[in-house]
C-alpha atoms as a PDB file:
ATOM      1  CA  MET A   1     -84.226 -15.759 -35.334  1.00  0.00           C
ATOM      2  CA  GLY A   2     -80.963 -15.414 -33.686  1.00  0.00           C
ATOM      3  CA  ILE A   3     -81.002 -15.257 -29.976  1.00  0.00           C
ATOM      4  CA  SER A   4     -79.563 -11.226 -29.857  1.00  0.00           C
ATOM      5  CA  LYS A   5     -83.111 -10.516 -31.903  1.00  0.00           C
ATOM      6  CA  LEU A   6     -85.247 -12.763 -29.666  1.00  0.00           C
ATOM      7  CA  ILE A   7     -84.036 -11.481 -26.870  1.00  0.00           C
ATOM      8  CA  GLY A   8     -83.859  -8.044 -27.839  1.00  0.00           C
ATOM      9  CA  LEU A   9     -87.821  -8.488 -28.868  1.00  0.00           C
ATOM     10  CA  MET A  10     -88.478  -9.415 -25.393  1.00  0.00           C
ATOM     11  CA  ALA A  11     -86.865  -6.636 -23.921  1.00  0.00           C
ATOM     12  CA  SER A  12     -88.886  -4.195 -25.880  1.00  0.00           C
ATOM     13  CA  ALA A  13     -91.929  -6.065 -24.884  1.00  0.00           C
ATOM     14  CA  LEU A  14     -91.057  -5.948 -21.647  1.00  0.00           C
ATOM     15  CA  PHE A  15     -90.577  -2.227 -21.969  1.00  0.00           C
ATOM     16  CA  LEU A  16     -93.560  -1.791 -22.960  1.00  0.00           C
ATOM     17  CA  GLN A  17     -94.984  -3.037 -20.123  1.00  0.00           C
ATOM     18  CA  PHE A  18     -92.593  -1.195 -18.037  1.00  0.00           C
ATOM     19  CA  LEU A  19     -94.259   2.159 -19.138  1.00  0.00           C
ATOM     20  CA  PHE A  20     -98.118   1.066 -18.707  1.00  0.00           C
ATOM     21  CA  PHE A  21     -97.685  -0.125 -15.149  1.00  0.00           C
ATOM     22  CA  LYS A  22     -95.521   3.149 -14.174  1.00  0.00           C
ATOM     23  CA  ARG A  23     -98.696   5.138 -15.677  1.00  0.00           C
ATOM     24  CA  LEU A  24    -101.312   3.256 -13.304  1.00  0.00           C
ATOM     25  CA  GLN A  25     -98.814   4.005 -10.224  1.00  0.00           C
ATOM     26  CA  LEU A  26     -98.059   0.076  -9.313  1.00  0.00           C
ATOM     27  CA  PRO A  27     -94.288   0.020  -8.609  1.00  0.00           C
ATOM     28  CA  PHE A  28     -94.922  -3.864  -7.111  1.00  0.00           C
ATOM     29  CA  LEU A  29     -95.597  -4.395 -10.765  1.00  0.00           C
ATOM     30  CA  TYR A  30     -93.806  -1.651 -12.637  1.00  0.00           C
ATOM     31  CA  ILE A  31     -90.196  -2.131 -11.011  1.00  0.00           C
ATOM     32  CA  PRO A  32     -88.992  -6.149 -10.960  1.00  0.00           C
ATOM     33  CA  ILE A  33     -90.729  -5.754 -15.029  1.00  0.00           C
ATOM     34  CA  LEU A  34     -87.654  -2.857 -15.432  1.00  0.00           C
ATOM     35  CA  TYR A  35     -85.324  -4.653 -13.710  1.00  0.00           C
ATOM     36  CA  SER A  36     -86.148  -7.889 -16.682  1.00  0.00           C
ATOM     37  CA  SER A  37     -86.014  -5.290 -19.444  1.00  0.00           C
ATOM     38  CA  LEU A  38     -82.482  -3.957 -18.713  1.00  0.00           C
ATOM     39  CA  ILE A  39     -81.642  -7.983 -17.908  1.00  0.00           C
ATOM     40  CA  SER A  40     -82.954  -8.906 -21.328  1.00  0.00           C
ATOM     41  CA  PHE A  41     -81.340  -5.650 -22.941  1.00  0.00           C
ATOM     42  CA  LEU A  42     -77.971  -7.158 -21.398  1.00  0.00           C
ATOM     43  CA  VAL A  43     -78.192  -9.838 -23.086  1.00  0.00           C
ATOM     44  CA  SER A  44     -78.881  -9.214 -26.744  1.00  0.00           C
ATOM     45  CA  ILE A  45     -76.140  -7.036 -26.768  1.00  0.00           C
ATOM     46  CA  ALA A  46     -74.036  -9.503 -25.051  1.00  0.00           C
ATOM     47  CA  SER A  47     -74.998 -12.596 -27.784  1.00  0.00           C
ATOM     48  CA  HIS A  48     -74.791  -9.992 -30.551  1.00  0.00           C
ATOM     49  CA  PRO A  49     -72.274 -11.685 -33.593  1.00  0.00           C
ATOM     50  CA  TYR A  50     -70.252  -8.008 -32.779  1.00  0.00           C
ATOM     51  CA  VAL A  51     -70.263  -8.783 -28.977  1.00  0.00           C
ATOM     52  CA  ASN A  52     -70.693 -12.301 -28.882  1.00  0.00           C
ATOM     53  CA  LEU A  53     -69.670 -12.886 -24.787  1.00  0.00           C
ATOM     54  CA  PRO A  54     -70.897 -15.640 -23.749  1.00  0.00           C
ATOM     55  CA  LEU A  55     -68.994 -15.528 -20.333  1.00  0.00           C
ATOM     56  CA  LEU A  56     -71.809 -12.987 -19.256  1.00  0.00           C
ATOM     57  CA  LEU A  57     -73.744 -15.918 -18.119  1.00  0.00           C
ATOM     58  CA  GLY A  58     -70.908 -17.372 -15.852  1.00  0.00           C
ATOM     59  CA  LYS A  59     -71.448 -20.993 -17.397  1.00  0.00           C
ATOM     60  CA  SER A  60     -68.260 -23.154 -16.562  1.00  0.00           C
ATOM     61  CA  SER A  61     -66.559 -26.341 -18.689  1.00  0.00           C
ATOM     62  CA  ASP A  62     -68.398 -28.340 -15.588  1.00  0.00           C
ATOM     63  CA  GLY A  63     -72.024 -27.079 -16.742  1.00  0.00           C
ATOM     64  CA  THR A  64     -72.579 -25.178 -14.058  1.00  0.00           C
ATOM     65  CA  PHE A  65     -74.117 -21.666 -13.338  1.00  0.00           C
ATOM     66  CA  PRO A  66     -72.779 -19.823 -10.222  1.00  0.00           C
ATOM     67  CA  LEU A  67     -74.810 -18.464  -7.661  1.00  0.00           C
ATOM     68  CA  TRP A  68     -74.561 -14.870  -8.971  1.00  0.00           C
ATOM     69  CA  THR A  69     -76.168 -16.229 -12.389  1.00  0.00           C
ATOM     70  CA  THR A  70     -78.911 -18.046 -10.657  1.00  0.00           C
ATOM     71  CA  LEU A  71     -79.824 -14.514  -9.275  1.00  0.00           C
ATOM     72  CA  LEU A  72     -79.517 -11.960 -11.913  1.00  0.00           C
ATOM     73  CA  PHE A  73     -80.930 -14.192 -14.846  1.00  0.00           C
ATOM     74  CA  GLY A  74     -82.767 -16.815 -13.268  1.00  0.00           C
ATOM     75  CA  PRO A  75     -85.973 -15.592 -14.992  1.00  0.00           C
ATOM     76  CA  LEU A  76     -84.276 -15.197 -18.404  1.00  0.00           C
ATOM     77  CA  LEU A  77     -82.934 -18.818 -17.854  1.00  0.00           C
ATOM     78  CA  PHE A  78     -86.137 -20.463 -17.348  1.00  0.00           C
ATOM     79  CA  PHE A  79     -87.605 -18.006 -20.249  1.00  0.00           C
ATOM     80  CA  ILE A  80     -85.324 -19.953 -22.190  1.00  0.00           C
ATOM     81  CA  ARG A  81     -85.641 -23.146 -21.087  1.00  0.00           C
ATOM     82  CA  ILE A  82     -89.760 -22.952 -21.621  1.00  0.00           C
ATOM     83  CA  PHE A  83     -88.926 -21.477 -25.131  1.00  0.00           C
ATOM     84  CA  VAL A  84     -86.710 -24.346 -26.137  1.00  0.00           C
ATOM     85  CA  PHE A  85     -89.543 -27.004 -24.366  1.00  0.00           C
ATOM     86  CA  LEU A  86     -91.946 -25.262 -26.926  1.00  0.00           C
ATOM     87  CA  ARG A  87     -90.242 -25.102 -30.015  1.00  0.00           C
ATOM     88  CA  ARG A  88     -88.540 -28.970 -29.515  1.00  0.00           C
ATOM     89  CA  MET A  89     -92.448 -29.914 -29.645  1.00  0.00           C
ATOM     90  CA  MET A  90     -92.782 -28.198 -32.535  1.00  0.00           C
ATOM     91  CA  ILE A  91     -90.232 -29.257 -34.569  1.00  0.00           C
ATOM     92  CA  GLY A  92     -91.296 -32.495 -33.634  1.00  0.00           C
ATOM     93  CA  GLU A  93     -87.866 -34.160 -35.080  1.00  0.00           C
ATOM     94  CA  PRO A  94     -85.691 -37.049 -32.870  1.00  0.00           C
ATOM     95  CA  LEU A  95     -83.542 -35.381 -30.184  1.00  0.00           C
ATOM     96  CA  PHE A  96     -80.813 -36.799 -31.374  1.00  0.00           C
ATOM     97  CA  THR A  97     -79.734 -38.897 -33.983  1.00  0.00           C
ATOM     98  CA  GLU A  98     -76.438 -41.138 -34.755  1.00  0.00           C
ATOM     99  CA  ILE A  99     -74.481 -39.991 -37.313  1.00  0.00           C
ATOM    100  CA  SER A 100     -71.371 -42.386 -37.334  1.00  0.00           C
ATOM    101  CA  GLU A 101     -71.586 -45.536 -35.321  1.00  0.00           C
ATOM    102  CA  GLY A 102     -70.498 -44.562 -31.127  1.00  0.00           C
ATOM    103  CA  LEU A 103     -71.127 -40.726 -32.698  1.00  0.00           C
ATOM    104  CA  PHE A 104     -74.350 -38.206 -31.939  1.00  0.00           C
ATOM    105  CA  VAL A 105     -75.480 -35.288 -32.568  1.00  0.00           C
ATOM    106  CA  GLY A 106     -78.496 -33.314 -31.139  1.00  0.00           C
ATOM    107  CA  GLY A 107     -80.391 -31.027 -28.709  1.00  0.00           C
ATOM    108  CA  TRP A 108     -80.181 -30.606 -25.211  1.00  0.00           C
ATOM    109  CA  PRO A 109     -80.694 -33.531 -22.626  1.00  0.00           C
ATOM    110  CA  SER A 110     -83.102 -32.884 -20.084  1.00  0.00           C
ATOM    111  CA  SER A 111     -82.564 -36.104 -18.517  1.00  0.00           C
ATOM    112  CA  LEU A 112     -81.126 -39.437 -19.232  1.00  0.00           C
ATOM    113  CA  GLU A 113     -83.756 -40.581 -21.122  1.00  0.00           C
ATOM    114  CA  HIS A 114     -82.745 -38.064 -23.339  1.00  0.00           C
ATOM    115  CA  LEU A 115     -79.108 -39.350 -23.910  1.00  0.00           C
ATOM    116  CA  PRO A 116     -77.634 -41.913 -26.497  1.00  0.00           C
ATOM    117  CA  PRO A 117     -77.769 -45.260 -25.226  1.00  0.00           C
ATOM    118  CA  GLY A 118     -73.643 -46.607 -24.244  1.00  0.00           C
ATOM    119  CA  ASN A 119     -73.337 -44.036 -21.367  1.00  0.00           C
ATOM    120  CA  PRO A 120     -71.621 -41.173 -24.258  1.00  0.00           C
ATOM    121  CA  ALA A 121     -68.927 -38.434 -23.277  1.00  0.00           C
ATOM    122  CA  VAL A 122     -70.804 -35.211 -23.789  1.00  0.00           C
ATOM    123  CA  ILE A 123     -69.875 -32.278 -25.478  1.00  0.00           C
ATOM    124  CA  ASP A 124     -72.312 -29.406 -24.671  1.00  0.00           C
ATOM    125  CA  CYS A 125     -71.914 -26.340 -26.772  1.00  0.00           C
ATOM    126  CA  THR A 126     -74.504 -24.197 -24.926  1.00  0.00           C
ATOM    127  CA  CYS A 127     -73.958 -21.255 -22.488  1.00  0.00           C
ATOM    128  CA  GLU A 128     -78.077 -20.591 -21.907  1.00  0.00           C
ATOM    129  CA  LEU A 129     -78.775 -24.234 -20.638  1.00  0.00           C
ATOM    130  CA  PRO A 130     -77.737 -25.817 -17.363  1.00  0.00           C
ATOM    131  CA  ARG A 131     -76.113 -29.131 -17.167  1.00  0.00           C
ATOM    132  CA  SER A 132     -79.346 -31.889 -15.952  1.00  0.00           C
ATOM    133  CA  SER A 133     -77.989 -33.205 -12.339  1.00  0.00           C
ATOM    134  CA  ALA A 134     -79.189 -36.516 -14.353  1.00  0.00           C
ATOM    135  CA  LEU A 135     -75.644 -36.577 -16.620  1.00  0.00           C
ATOM    136  CA  TRP A 136     -73.089 -36.114 -13.485  1.00  0.00           C
ATOM    137  CA  HIS A 137     -71.649 -39.806 -14.561  1.00  0.00           C
ATOM    138  CA  ASN A 138     -71.397 -39.262 -17.767  1.00  0.00           C
ATOM    139  CA  ALA A 139     -68.018 -37.397 -19.112  1.00  0.00           C
ATOM    140  CA  TYR A 140     -68.510 -33.746 -19.847  1.00  0.00           C
ATOM    141  CA  ILE A 141     -67.218 -30.521 -21.586  1.00  0.00           C
ATOM    142  CA  CYS A 142     -68.766 -27.773 -21.902  1.00  0.00           C
ATOM    143  CA  ILE A 143     -67.675 -24.972 -25.014  1.00  0.00           C
ATOM    144  CA  ALA A 144     -70.186 -22.407 -23.768  1.00  0.00           C
ATOM    145  CA  THR A 145     -71.632 -20.388 -26.907  1.00  0.00           C
ATOM    146  CA  TRP A 146     -74.744 -18.663 -27.985  1.00  0.00           C
ATOM    147  CA  ASP A 147     -77.364 -20.100 -30.104  1.00  0.00           C
ATOM    148  CA  THR A 148     -77.177 -19.089 -33.656  1.00  0.00           C
ATOM    149  CA  ARG A 149     -72.965 -18.043 -32.852  1.00  0.00           C
ATOM    150  CA  ALA A 150     -70.858 -20.901 -33.547  1.00  0.00           C
ATOM    151  CA  PRO A 151     -67.843 -21.681 -31.238  1.00  0.00           C
ATOM    152  CA  GLU A 152     -64.717 -19.814 -31.608  1.00  0.00           C
ATOM    153  CA  PRO A 153     -62.317 -22.006 -34.009  1.00  0.00           C
ATOM    154  CA  PHE A 154     -59.522 -22.925 -30.800  1.00  0.00           C
ATOM    155  CA  GLN A 155     -62.757 -24.189 -29.040  1.00  0.00           C
ATOM    156  CA  ILE A 156     -63.405 -26.526 -31.678  1.00  0.00           C
ATOM    157  CA  GLU A 157     -60.100 -27.886 -31.597  1.00  0.00           C
ATOM    158  CA  SER A 158     -60.180 -28.290 -27.877  1.00  0.00           C
ATOM    159  CA  ALA A 159     -63.513 -30.122 -28.374  1.00  0.00           C
ATOM    160  CA  VAL A 160     -62.488 -32.608 -31.171  1.00  0.00           C
ATOM    161  CA  GLN A 161     -59.083 -33.394 -29.233  1.00  0.00           C
ATOM    162  CA  TRP A 162     -61.284 -34.201 -26.258  1.00  0.00           C
ATOM    163  CA  ALA A 163     -63.864 -36.164 -28.054  1.00  0.00           C
ATOM    164  CA  PHE A 164     -61.110 -38.105 -30.116  1.00  0.00           C
ATOM    165  CA  LYS A 165     -59.676 -39.382 -26.898  1.00  0.00           C
ATOM    166  CA  LYS A 166     -63.080 -40.681 -26.126  1.00  0.00           C
ATOM    167  CA  ARG A 167     -63.543 -42.855 -28.771  1.00  0.00           C
ATOM    168  CA  ALA A 168     -59.917 -43.995 -28.692  1.00  0.00           C
ATOM    169  CA  LEU A 169     -61.646 -45.582 -25.332  1.00  0.00           C
ATOM    170  CA  LYS A 170     -64.710 -46.909 -27.284  1.00  0.00           C
ATOM    171  CA  LYS A 171     -66.714 -44.711 -26.005  1.00  0.00           C
ATOM    172  CA  PRO A 172     -69.639 -42.905 -27.426  1.00  0.00           C
ATOM    173  CA  VAL A 173     -69.791 -39.485 -27.633  1.00  0.00           C
ATOM    174  CA  TYR A 174     -72.962 -36.888 -27.622  1.00  0.00           C
ATOM    175  CA  ILE A 175     -72.773 -33.283 -29.245  1.00  0.00           C
ATOM    176  CA  HIS A 176     -75.442 -31.530 -28.401  1.00  0.00           C
ATOM    177  CA  CYS A 177     -76.902 -28.243 -28.578  1.00  0.00           C
ATOM    178  CA  ALA A 178     -80.383 -26.689 -27.286  1.00  0.00           C
ATOM    179  CA  TYR A 179     -81.903 -28.553 -30.805  1.00  0.00           C
ATOM    180  CA  GLY A 180     -78.940 -29.938 -32.741  1.00  0.00           C
ATOM    181  CA  HIS A 181     -78.928 -27.954 -35.937  1.00  0.00           C
ATOM    182  CA  GLY A 182     -76.004 -25.523 -35.702  1.00  0.00           C
ATOM    183  CA  ARG A 183     -73.699 -25.628 -32.631  1.00  0.00           C
ATOM    184  CA  SER A 184     -73.374 -28.554 -31.921  1.00  0.00           C
ATOM    185  CA  VAL A 185     -73.236 -29.955 -35.804  1.00  0.00           C
ATOM    186  CA  CYS A 186     -70.294 -27.378 -36.480  1.00  0.00           C
ATOM    187  CA  VAL A 187     -68.024 -29.505 -33.745  1.00  0.00           C
ATOM    188  CA  MET A 188     -69.746 -32.720 -35.277  1.00  0.00           C
ATOM    189  CA  CYS A 189     -68.088 -31.602 -38.627  1.00  0.00           C
ATOM    190  CA  ALA A 190     -64.761 -31.535 -37.210  1.00  0.00           C
ATOM    191  CA  LEU A 191     -64.471 -34.201 -35.113  1.00  0.00           C
ATOM    192  CA  LEU A 192     -65.959 -36.085 -38.105  1.00  0.00           C
ATOM    193  CA  VAL A 193     -62.711 -35.392 -39.827  1.00  0.00           C
ATOM    194  CA  THR A 194     -60.153 -35.725 -37.160  1.00  0.00           C
ATOM    195  CA  LEU A 195     -61.336 -39.181 -36.887  1.00  0.00           C
ATOM    196  CA  GLY A 196     -61.256 -39.614 -40.870  1.00  0.00           C
ATOM    197  CA  LEU A 197     -64.425 -40.127 -41.793  1.00  0.00           C
ATOM    198  CA  ALA A 198     -64.960 -37.225 -43.652  1.00  0.00           C
ATOM    199  CA  GLU A 199     -62.385 -35.491 -46.055  1.00  0.00           C
ATOM    200  CA  ASP A 200     -62.905 -32.137 -44.884  1.00  0.00           C
ATOM    201  CA  TRP A 201     -66.341 -30.186 -42.885  1.00  0.00           C
ATOM    202  CA  LYS A 202     -68.215 -29.757 -46.233  1.00  0.00           C
ATOM    203  CA  LYS A 203     -68.645 -33.351 -46.812  1.00  0.00           C
ATOM    204  CA  ALA A 204     -69.036 -33.732 -43.091  1.00  0.00           C
ATOM    205  CA  GLU A 205     -72.186 -31.222 -43.185  1.00  0.00           C
ATOM    206  CA  LYS A 206     -73.115 -33.027 -46.367  1.00  0.00           C
ATOM    207  CA  MET A 207     -72.910 -36.575 -44.483  1.00  0.00           C
ATOM    208  CA  ILE A 208     -74.740 -35.278 -41.500  1.00  0.00           C
ATOM    209  CA  ARG A 209     -77.754 -33.383 -43.469  1.00  0.00           C
ATOM    210  CA  GLU A 210     -78.623 -36.817 -45.105  1.00  0.00           C
ATOM    211  CA  LYS A 211     -79.225 -38.381 -41.661  1.00  0.00           C
ATOM    212  CA  ARG A 212     -80.386 -35.385 -39.679  1.00  0.00           C
ATOM    213  CA  PRO A 213     -82.392 -33.046 -42.443  1.00  0.00           C
ATOM    214  CA  SER A 214     -82.247 -30.233 -40.337  1.00  0.00           C
ATOM    215  CA  ILE A 215     -78.970 -29.013 -39.550  1.00  0.00           C
ATOM    216  CA  ASN A 216     -78.616 -25.235 -40.477  1.00  0.00           C
ATOM    217  CA  LEU A 217     -75.089 -24.395 -40.541  1.00  0.00           C
ATOM    218  CA  ASN A 218     -74.964 -20.539 -41.250  1.00  0.00           C
ATOM    219  CA  ASP A 219     -72.004 -18.272 -42.331  1.00  0.00           C
ATOM    220  CA  LEU A 220     -70.299 -17.804 -39.239  1.00  0.00           C
ATOM    221  CA  HIS A 221     -70.475 -22.013 -38.460  1.00  0.00           C
ATOM    222  CA  ARG A 222     -68.740 -22.207 -41.853  1.00  0.00           C
ATOM    223  CA  ARG A 223     -66.299 -19.360 -41.186  1.00  0.00           C
ATOM    224  CA  ASN A 224     -65.005 -20.811 -38.140  1.00  0.00           C
ATOM    225  CA  LEU A 225     -64.996 -23.951 -39.742  1.00  0.00           C
ATOM    226  CA  GLU A 226     -62.610 -23.076 -42.406  1.00  0.00           C
ATOM    227  CA  GLU A 227     -60.836 -21.353 -40.388  1.00  0.00           C
ATOM    228  CA  TRP A 228     -60.226 -24.449 -38.039  1.00  0.00           C
ATOM    229  CA  SER A 229     -59.217 -26.754 -41.161  1.00  0.00           C
ATOM    230  CA  LYS A 230     -56.386 -24.153 -41.944  1.00  0.00           C
ATOM    231  CA  ASN A 231     -54.467 -24.697 -38.459  1.00  0.00           C
ATOM    232  CA  ARG A 232     -56.002 -27.231 -37.008  1.00  0.00           C
ATOM    233  CA  ILE A 233     -54.076 -30.338 -34.705  1.00  0.00           C
ATOM    234  CA  THR A 234     -54.259 -33.750 -36.761  1.00  0.00           C
ATOM    235  CA  PRO A 235     -53.861 -36.157 -34.098  1.00  0.00           C
ATOM    236  CA  LYS A 236     -50.941 -37.519 -36.232  1.00  0.00           C
ATOM    237  CA  ARG A 237     -49.266 -34.097 -35.339  1.00  0.00           C
ATOM    238  CA  VAL A 238     -49.681 -34.580 -31.860  1.00  0.00           C
ATOM    239  CA  ALA A 239     -48.617 -37.693 -31.556  1.00  0.00           C
ATOM    240  CA  GLU A 240     -44.760 -36.018 -33.692  1.00  0.00           C
ATOM    241  CA  THR A 241     -45.360 -33.458 -31.469  1.00  0.00           C
ATOM    242  CA  SER A 242     -45.387 -35.571 -28.228  1.00  0.00           C
ATOM    243  CA  LEU A 243     -42.286 -38.083 -29.645  1.00  0.00           C
ATOM    244  CA  SER A 244     -40.755 -34.950 -30.587  1.00  0.00           C
ATOM    245  CA  SER A 245     -41.015 -33.760 -26.689  1.00  0.00           C
ATOM    246  CA  LEU A 246     -39.522 -36.982 -25.533  1.00  0.00           C
ATOM    247  CA  PHE A 247     -36.416 -37.071 -27.687  1.00  0.00           C
ATOM    248  CA  LEU A 248     -35.581 -33.096 -26.367  1.00  0.00           C
ATOM    249  CA  SER A 249     -36.072 -34.823 -23.155  1.00  0.00           C
ATOM    250  CA  ASN A 250     -34.493 -37.769 -23.373  1.00  0.00           C
ATOM    251  CA  THR A 251     -31.351 -35.538 -24.752  1.00  0.00           C
ATOM    252  CA  SER A 252     -31.246 -32.954 -22.319  1.00  0.00           C
ATOM    253  CA  VAL A 253     -30.653 -35.931 -19.689  1.00  0.00           C
ATOM    254  CA  LYS A 254     -28.222 -37.857 -21.474  1.00  0.00           C
ATOM    255  CA  LYS A 255     -26.339 -34.497 -20.801  1.00  0.00           C
END
């Protein structure tokens, strides 16, 4: 179930509770419940595929939430975190999986014990889960994306180029979302192609599925990966662009 439907159901349930307690003339109960219901409806709309506005929660590229997010969405974010823990227990799979040497994909790491070995650089694909305080010493980047939605092609490219530089320094890379099934797998597919470990994203998906059978790319993930594939910047093109810029710069100096 997508996050839009899940939060929408929760909002509806809260609204029914609001109506019940309002009949009982208990404002100290029904006013907070009404607030929670309205906030949940707002998140349900913002996470809908036709809206897709992860910026609503305000998560920054360093993984932090501003104070206003905590004040407005605190209870909802707490609910999501508990839901992730419970679902992870029900799934009963390893938190992360090594797809190729030094390349890991998996779920949200709430502590250092949940990180792969080697002090990895971390790519966080969530917009609803915070960066653990234990991860402040790790290289980190966040490409905020709703659960069951896909990073935009430009986000995929940005994350891949960032990871490519970390791999050039022989640093492990851990790409995660909430469970390591969709958003993170989408980015990992692109990274495997960029590193030359897979011919295309479809073969990369197959490669990941062999190691982590529970992955679940949806149509949106595949569409954005296809769009990324058509317009991606290969490391060779990056080098050629840099050399061209250097040549033009030297030519200008000589003139």
